[in-house]
Structures are given as C-alpha cells and as structure tokens.
Amino acid sequence: MVRHFLIALTTLGLSACGDDRSSGSERTSSQNEYAMPASAVVSSKEAKQLFGAKTAASAQQPDPIGGYANGCVAGAVQLAETGPTWQAMRLSRNRNWAHPETIDFVQKLSAKAAAQPGWAGLYVGDMSQPRGGPMLTGHRSHQSGLDVDIWMLPPKRLNLTLAEREILSSISLRRANGAYTNDNWTRQHHEILKAAAQDPQVARIFVFPGAKVRMCNEETGNRAYLRKIRPWWGHHYHFHVRLNCPRGGAHCVNQDPPPPGDGCDDAQTWVNNILNPPPPDPDAPPPAPRRELTMADLPRQCASVLASP
C-alpha cells in the first residue's frame, strides 16, 4: 500500500492534500520544493504507517513542517549513535532523527550534563522518525523534528553496546504517583533541567509535577526559567524538551507560549489534586476516541516529504 501510494505521487506528480497549517509567506514556485499541482491524491491509509515505513530522511533542505503533533520534517539529520557526551538509546526504533537545531541542542546540553558530578553526559531517548510524522507506537507529538526525550538515568559510561541500549532502562524519579520526587532525584537533575530551560531555543520542558514543585522550592536564584518547566503526566523516567520553531521556518507552527509567571502555583495545584483527587464531574462528557491521522490531516507539504527520494 505504501509503495503504491508513493508511485501514484511520483508518477502523477500529485500530492496528498490536507489543511495548510503553515504560517508566514511561502517561497515562489521556482524556489518552493513543495510546489505541486492543485489536483491531489488522498490516501486513506493511516499516516503513521506511511511515515513509519521510511528508514532515511528526505532529500530536501531541513524544514520542520506543521505542529508538534500534526506535522513532519524535511531534510532531518540523524543524531550520531555515540558522541563525546551522549549515546542514543533504543536504536532499533530509528527515532534518533531531528531538525539540525535539535541535534545541536542535544550536543550542547549533553556537554553541560557531562560537567555535573557523576554524569558522563546524557542518554538520549526518542526524537523523531526519519521524516517525522505520526509514529507507529507511542508519542502523539515528536512529529516535526523539534522534540527530544532525555533519560533521567545518569550515564556512568558512554560505551554501551547496541544490545545494552535495547535492554537498559532509565530510572523513575517520582514518588506518590508524581506528587513528590524519590531518592533518585539529585541536584544534578535540577541543574540539567535548568540548563535546558535557560536555552533560548527551548519552548517548554515536560516533567512530572513533583519535580517542578521541588525545583520551585529549591531555586534561590533567577526563577525566570521555571516558566518553561511544565508539569505533565508521566515524564518521570525522562523529561521532554520541545524547541521553538527555527528562524525562517515558514511552514512550522509554534505552540502557544506558557502562561506568564513561573508556573509554581499551577504545579502545586497538580500535586494537591494527586494527593486529594477532586470528585469526578458527573456531567462531563466521555472522552472522544482518538482518530488516527491520515495524509489528509497533515499539512500538504508532508506529501512531498513522504514522496522525496
């Protein structure tokens, strides 16, 4: 099915259509590598099957397209499996691809982590698939090459074998279902999260509520960076970094910025609700089932990313 869809695209010169969620002016047709005829082919196959089948990046200039949970990435770069201060984990997933600015961020943050006592650098979890897009399993985001998961496990060595990277697990830092940190939490975790949040490329960082509250309680210096540390369910085996759209990324859609302030009161509310859950709302409608995205749901440029050599 994937092969037949791509043949239709490349042979007919057509694109799978969808909403154009890009912002900013586009290049002219002579300069625009995504320019395609107005007619279109729509695949009913789930987009995750199409993007999950790709094993290498598209032969295009680097360009994050769409939003973090509804997009793709052209011209992605693969994070080296091992570097001087990092190792990419779970290589069998082939999710160590991203926009070049994400690769640069990981390399810089890992060097800062390596300066912390007891840390040889960072173990890097999921980034994006070779062409981004919806993943076969797991994340709803990580689609545009601007998200990365950083393991909470302090690396003691950076010469793990391929097999070790598949079986080694990270550590959990939460206690009481995320209301508090446990004994695995260290000041080094605080400093690495702080360094990540202080990077101007970073839009926000997701971590379990108890970690945010602890950072709020223990920070004695400039607290401005705490605004980017956002409480979210899970995120106790890793923290999730999300970058802003790069300058000139005309097809990239940023998430709304975090609310003003350091967000500490909001995180404390999360903790209070974990410890004393409010009664369920009897009038709340049941959650709507999530529908899997098709190519028609993604920005139209993603068809060109998918069909590229």
Protein backbone atom coordinates (compact mmCIF):
# COMPACT_ATOMS: atom_id res chain seq x y z
CA MET A 1 0.00 0.00 0.00
CA VAL A 2 2.80 2.40 0.89
CA ARG A 3 4.64 1.57 -2.33
CA HIS A 4 1.51 2.04 -4.47
CA PHE A 5 0.74 5.39 -2.83
CA LEU A 6 4.25 6.70 -3.47
CA ILE A 7 4.16 5.51 -7.06
CA ALA A 8 0.95 7.47 -7.51
CA LEU A 9 2.59 10.58 -6.11
CA THR A 10 5.80 10.38 -8.09
CA THR A 11 4.28 9.16 -11.36
CA LEU A 12 1.33 11.53 -11.46
CA GLY A 13 3.17 14.44 -9.87
CA LEU A 14 0.40 14.84 -7.31
CA SER A 15 0.27 15.42 -3.57
CA ALA A 16 -1.88 14.15 -0.77
CA CYS A 17 -3.98 17.09 0.24
CA GLY A 18 -4.68 18.43 3.69
CA ASP A 19 -5.03 21.63 5.66
CA ASP A 20 -2.17 24.07 5.15
CA ARG A 21 -1.30 24.91 8.74
CA SER A 22 1.87 26.78 7.85
CA SER A 23 2.41 30.38 8.83
CA GLY A 24 4.26 33.15 7.03
CA SER A 25 4.77 33.65 3.33
CA GLU A 26 5.89 30.77 1.16
CA ARG A 27 8.59 30.81 -1.45
CA THR A 28 7.70 31.25 -5.12
CA SER A 29 7.06 28.14 -7.19
CA SER A 30 10.52 28.23 -8.71
CA GLN A 31 12.04 28.22 -5.22
CA ASN A 32 9.43 26.16 -3.41
CA GLU A 33 10.38 22.49 -3.27
CA TYR A 34 6.86 21.71 -2.02
CA ALA A 35 5.06 23.27 -5.01
CA MET A 36 2.65 20.74 -6.57
CA PRO A 37 -0.35 20.82 -8.91
CA ALA A 38 -3.71 21.73 -7.44
CA SER A 39 -5.12 18.25 -8.08
CA ALA A 40 -4.42 15.76 -5.34
CA VAL A 41 -4.42 12.13 -4.27
CA VAL A 42 -5.69 11.33 -0.78
CA SER A 43 -4.56 8.16 0.96
CA SER A 44 -6.96 6.61 3.44
CA LYS A 45 -4.07 4.68 5.00
CA GLU A 46 -3.02 5.91 8.43
CA ALA A 47 -0.18 8.41 8.14
CA LYS A 48 1.78 6.57 10.83
CA GLN A 49 2.06 3.54 8.54
CA LEU A 50 3.44 5.68 5.71
CA PHE A 51 5.93 7.65 7.78
CA GLY A 52 6.87 4.66 9.92
CA ALA A 53 7.96 2.79 6.80
CA LYS A 54 10.63 5.38 5.93
CA THR A 55 14.14 4.49 7.04
CA ALA A 56 16.01 7.63 5.94
CA ALA A 57 15.46 11.38 5.74
CA SER A 58 14.04 13.14 2.69
CA ALA A 59 16.44 14.66 0.15
CA GLN A 60 15.33 18.20 0.97
CA GLN A 61 16.52 21.22 2.88
CA PRO A 62 15.88 20.97 6.64
CA ASP A 63 12.40 22.26 7.39
CA PRO A 64 10.04 21.48 10.28
CA ILE A 65 6.50 21.40 8.92
CA GLY A 66 3.25 21.85 10.82
CA GLY A 67 2.85 21.42 14.55
CA TYR A 68 4.47 19.15 17.08
CA ALA A 69 1.52 16.74 17.00
CA ASN A 70 0.45 17.28 13.39
CA GLY A 71 3.36 17.60 11.02
CA CYS A 72 6.55 16.17 9.57
CA VAL A 73 10.16 17.20 8.98
CA ALA A 74 12.03 17.61 5.71
CA GLY A 75 15.77 17.06 5.49
CA ALA A 76 16.13 15.67 9.01
CA VAL A 77 19.57 14.88 10.44
CA GLN A 78 20.41 11.74 12.38
CA LEU A 79 21.96 12.13 15.81
CA ALA A 80 25.18 10.12 15.90
CA GLU A 81 24.66 6.91 17.84
CA THR A 82 27.52 7.84 20.15
CA GLY A 83 29.23 11.16 20.75
CA PRO A 84 31.74 12.53 23.25
CA THR A 85 28.99 13.27 25.79
CA TRP A 86 25.92 11.31 24.66
CA GLN A 87 24.55 7.99 23.48
CA ALA A 88 21.32 7.48 21.56
CA MET A 89 19.17 4.74 23.07
CA ARG A 90 16.76 2.16 21.61
CA LEU A 91 18.35 2.38 18.18
CA SER A 92 16.04 -0.32 16.84
CA ARG A 93 13.26 2.28 16.85
CA ASN A 94 15.17 4.52 14.40
CA ARG A 95 13.94 7.62 16.19
CA ASN A 96 17.23 9.49 16.56
CA TRP A 97 16.39 11.94 13.75
CA ALA A 98 15.53 15.63 14.09
CA HIS A 99 15.89 19.11 12.71
CA PRO A 100 19.56 20.24 12.84
CA GLU A 101 18.82 22.75 15.62
CA THR A 102 17.53 19.89 17.78
CA ILE A 103 20.70 17.92 17.12
CA ASP A 104 22.76 20.98 18.09
CA PHE A 105 20.72 21.44 21.27
CA VAL A 106 21.28 17.83 22.35
CA GLN A 107 25.01 18.11 21.81
CA LYS A 108 25.25 21.34 23.80
CA LEU A 109 23.08 20.10 26.68
CA SER A 110 24.97 16.82 26.90
CA ALA A 111 28.24 18.72 27.28
CA LYS A 112 26.74 20.68 30.18
CA ALA A 113 25.46 17.45 31.72
CA ALA A 114 28.93 15.92 31.47
CA ALA A 115 30.19 18.73 33.71
CA GLN A 116 27.89 17.56 36.52
CA PRO A 117 29.34 15.22 39.16
CA GLY A 118 28.50 11.59 38.39
CA TRP A 119 27.26 12.27 34.86
CA ALA A 120 29.26 11.25 31.78
CA GLY A 121 26.75 13.07 29.60
CA LEU A 122 23.22 12.12 28.52
CA TYR A 123 21.31 9.08 27.37
CA VAL A 124 19.02 10.35 24.61
CA GLY A 125 15.65 8.73 24.05
CA ASP A 126 13.13 9.29 21.27
CA MET A 127 13.50 12.25 18.94
CA SER A 128 11.65 11.82 15.62
CA GLN A 129 11.33 9.33 12.80
CA PRO A 130 13.49 9.95 9.70
CA ARG A 131 10.76 12.11 8.17
CA GLY A 132 8.87 12.89 11.35
CA GLY A 133 5.14 12.44 11.12
CA PRO A 134 2.94 10.28 13.33
CA MET A 135 4.76 7.38 14.98
CA LEU A 136 3.80 3.75 14.73
CA THR A 137 3.73 3.47 18.55
CA GLY A 138 3.93 5.83 21.47
CA HIS A 139 4.06 9.59 21.10
CA ARG A 140 1.37 11.83 19.66
CA SER A 141 3.96 14.60 19.32
CA HIS A 142 7.61 14.36 18.15
CA GLN A 143 6.32 14.84 14.57
CA SER A 144 8.18 17.94 13.35
CA GLY A 145 11.73 17.17 14.48
CA LEU A 146 11.72 19.61 17.42
CA ASP A 147 11.05 17.27 20.37
CA VAL A 148 13.53 15.11 22.31
CA ASP A 149 13.29 12.85 25.37
CA ILE A 150 16.24 12.90 27.79
CA TRP A 151 16.63 9.96 30.16
CA MET A 152 16.73 10.58 33.91
CA LEU A 153 19.36 7.86 34.33
CA PRO A 154 22.80 9.44 34.94
CA PRO A 155 25.19 7.84 32.41
CA LYS A 156 28.21 6.28 34.07
CA ARG A 157 29.75 5.28 30.74
CA LEU A 158 29.20 6.02 27.07
CA ASN A 159 30.34 2.77 25.50
CA LEU A 160 27.10 0.81 25.71
CA THR A 161 26.72 -1.86 23.06
CA LEU A 162 23.74 -1.95 20.74
CA ALA A 163 22.29 -4.78 22.80
CA GLU A 164 22.77 -2.89 26.07
CA ARG A 165 20.94 0.11 24.65
CA GLU A 166 17.92 -2.11 23.99
CA ILE A 167 17.68 -3.66 27.46
CA LEU A 168 18.97 -0.92 29.78
CA SER A 169 16.15 1.01 31.43
CA SER A 170 16.03 4.52 32.78
CA ILE A 171 15.10 5.23 36.41
CA SER A 172 11.95 6.75 37.81
CA LEU A 173 12.25 9.88 39.93
CA ARG A 174 8.68 10.06 41.18
CA ARG A 175 7.01 9.12 44.45
CA ALA A 176 3.31 9.10 45.40
CA ASN A 177 2.17 8.93 41.78
CA GLY A 178 4.19 12.00 40.86
CA ALA A 179 3.35 14.24 43.80
CA TYR A 180 6.92 14.06 45.11
CA THR A 181 10.39 13.11 43.97
CA ASN A 182 12.03 9.96 45.29
CA ASP A 183 15.58 9.26 46.42
CA ASN A 184 16.83 9.06 42.83
CA TRP A 185 16.38 12.82 42.45
CA THR A 186 19.63 14.76 42.73
CA ARG A 187 20.73 18.35 42.49
CA GLN A 188 22.31 17.35 39.18
CA HIS A 189 18.86 16.65 37.75
CA HIS A 190 17.81 20.14 38.82
CA GLU A 191 20.85 21.74 37.17
CA ILE A 192 20.45 19.84 33.89
CA LEU A 193 16.77 20.72 33.64
CA LYS A 194 17.64 24.32 34.46
CA ALA A 195 20.34 24.44 31.79
CA ALA A 196 17.89 23.08 29.22
CA ALA A 197 15.18 25.59 30.15
CA GLN A 198 17.60 28.51 30.01
CA ASP A 199 18.45 27.76 26.38
CA PRO A 200 16.64 30.35 24.20
CA GLN A 201 15.83 27.63 21.64
CA VAL A 202 13.64 25.83 24.17
CA ALA A 203 9.88 26.46 24.21
CA ARG A 204 9.00 24.23 27.16
CA ILE A 205 10.01 21.13 29.09
CA PHE A 206 7.58 18.49 30.36
CA VAL A 207 8.29 16.75 33.67
CA PHE A 208 6.16 15.18 36.41
CA PRO A 209 4.51 17.67 38.83
CA GLY A 210 6.54 16.76 41.92
CA ALA A 211 9.79 17.60 40.14
CA LYS A 212 8.53 21.03 39.15
CA VAL A 213 7.38 21.78 42.70
CA ARG A 214 10.71 20.67 44.13
CA MET A 215 12.60 22.89 41.68
CA CYS A 216 10.34 25.79 42.64
CA ASN A 217 11.00 25.22 46.34
CA GLU A 218 14.76 24.88 45.96
CA GLU A 219 15.57 27.57 43.39
CA THR A 220 17.23 30.55 45.11
CA GLY A 221 18.48 32.39 42.02
CA ASN A 222 16.79 33.73 38.90
CA ARG A 223 13.46 31.93 38.59
CA ALA A 224 12.54 33.05 35.07
CA TYR A 225 13.45 29.69 33.52
CA LEU A 226 10.87 27.90 35.70
CA ARG A 227 8.13 29.21 33.39
CA LYS A 228 9.29 26.71 30.76
CA ILE A 229 9.22 23.72 33.15
CA ARG A 230 5.68 22.41 32.74
CA PRO A 231 4.03 19.66 34.84
CA TRP A 232 2.61 16.76 32.87
CA TRP A 233 1.55 13.19 33.48
CA GLY A 234 4.26 10.56 33.18
CA HIS A 235 7.65 12.08 32.38
CA HIS A 236 9.37 10.60 35.42
CA TYR A 237 11.71 8.25 33.51
CA HIS A 238 12.64 11.05 31.12
CA PHE A 239 12.00 14.73 30.59
CA HIS A 240 10.69 16.00 27.27
CA VAL A 241 12.24 19.07 25.65
CA ARG A 242 10.36 20.98 22.94
CA LEU A 243 12.12 23.59 20.85
CA ASN A 244 10.69 26.71 19.25
CA CYS A 245 10.30 26.83 15.51
CA PRO A 246 13.63 27.87 13.98
CA ARG A 247 14.00 31.32 12.48
CA GLY A 248 12.80 31.27 8.90
CA GLY A 249 10.70 28.13 9.43
CA ALA A 250 7.77 29.35 7.35
CA HIS A 251 5.94 26.02 7.48
CA CYS A 252 6.44 25.44 11.22
CA VAL A 253 3.71 26.11 13.79
CA ASN A 254 4.71 27.03 17.35
CA GLN A 255 2.70 26.03 20.38
CA ASP A 256 1.23 28.93 22.33
CA PRO A 257 3.78 30.19 24.89
CA PRO A 258 3.36 29.17 28.55
CA PRO A 259 1.26 31.48 30.71
CA PRO A 260 3.06 34.40 32.41
CA GLY A 261 4.82 33.75 35.69
CA ASP A 262 6.93 30.89 36.98
CA GLY A 263 4.05 28.35 36.99
CA CYS A 264 4.84 27.15 40.51
CA ASP A 265 1.33 27.66 41.86
CA ASP A 266 -0.10 25.69 38.95
CA ALA A 267 2.34 22.83 39.62
CA GLN A 268 1.35 22.83 43.29
CA THR A 269 -2.29 22.53 42.22
CA TRP A 270 -1.35 19.44 40.19
CA VAL A 271 0.29 17.96 43.29
CA ASN A 272 -2.69 18.80 45.50
CA ASN A 273 -5.02 17.08 43.03
CA ILE A 274 -2.81 13.98 43.01
CA LEU A 275 -2.86 13.78 46.80
CA ASN A 276 -6.56 14.66 47.13
CA PRO A 277 -8.26 13.93 43.82
CA PRO A 278 -11.34 16.08 43.20
CA PRO A 279 -14.59 14.18 42.69
CA PRO A 280 -15.37 13.36 39.06
CA ASP A 281 -17.71 15.69 37.23
CA PRO A 282 -20.92 13.70 36.66
CA ASP A 283 -21.83 15.97 33.74
CA ALA A 284 -18.53 15.60 31.94
CA PRO A 285 -18.95 14.00 28.51
CA PRO A 286 -17.00 10.81 27.86
CA PRO A 287 -13.68 11.40 26.15
CA ALA A 288 -13.91 11.22 22.39
CA PRO A 289 -11.90 8.37 20.87
CA ARG A 290 -8.78 9.49 19.09
CA ARG A 291 -8.82 9.03 15.36
CA GLU A 292 -5.57 8.09 13.67
CA LEU A 293 -4.25 10.79 11.34
CA THR A 294 -4.25 10.28 7.58
CA MET A 295 -2.30 12.26 4.99
CA ALA A 296 -5.36 14.45 4.51
CA ASP A 297 -5.00 15.61 8.13
CA LEU A 298 -1.35 16.70 7.80
CA PRO A 299 -0.01 19.89 6.20
CA ARG A 300 0.06 19.43 2.44
CA GLN A 301 3.87 19.79 2.32
CA CYS A 302 4.16 16.44 4.12
CA ALA A 303 3.14 14.61 0.95
CA SER A 304 6.26 15.97 -0.75
CA VAL A 305 8.39 14.94 2.26
CA LEU A 306 6.96 11.45 2.06
CA ALA A 307 7.48 11.14 -1.71
CA SER A 308 11.01 12.58 -1.74
CA PRO A 309 13.90 10.18 -2.52
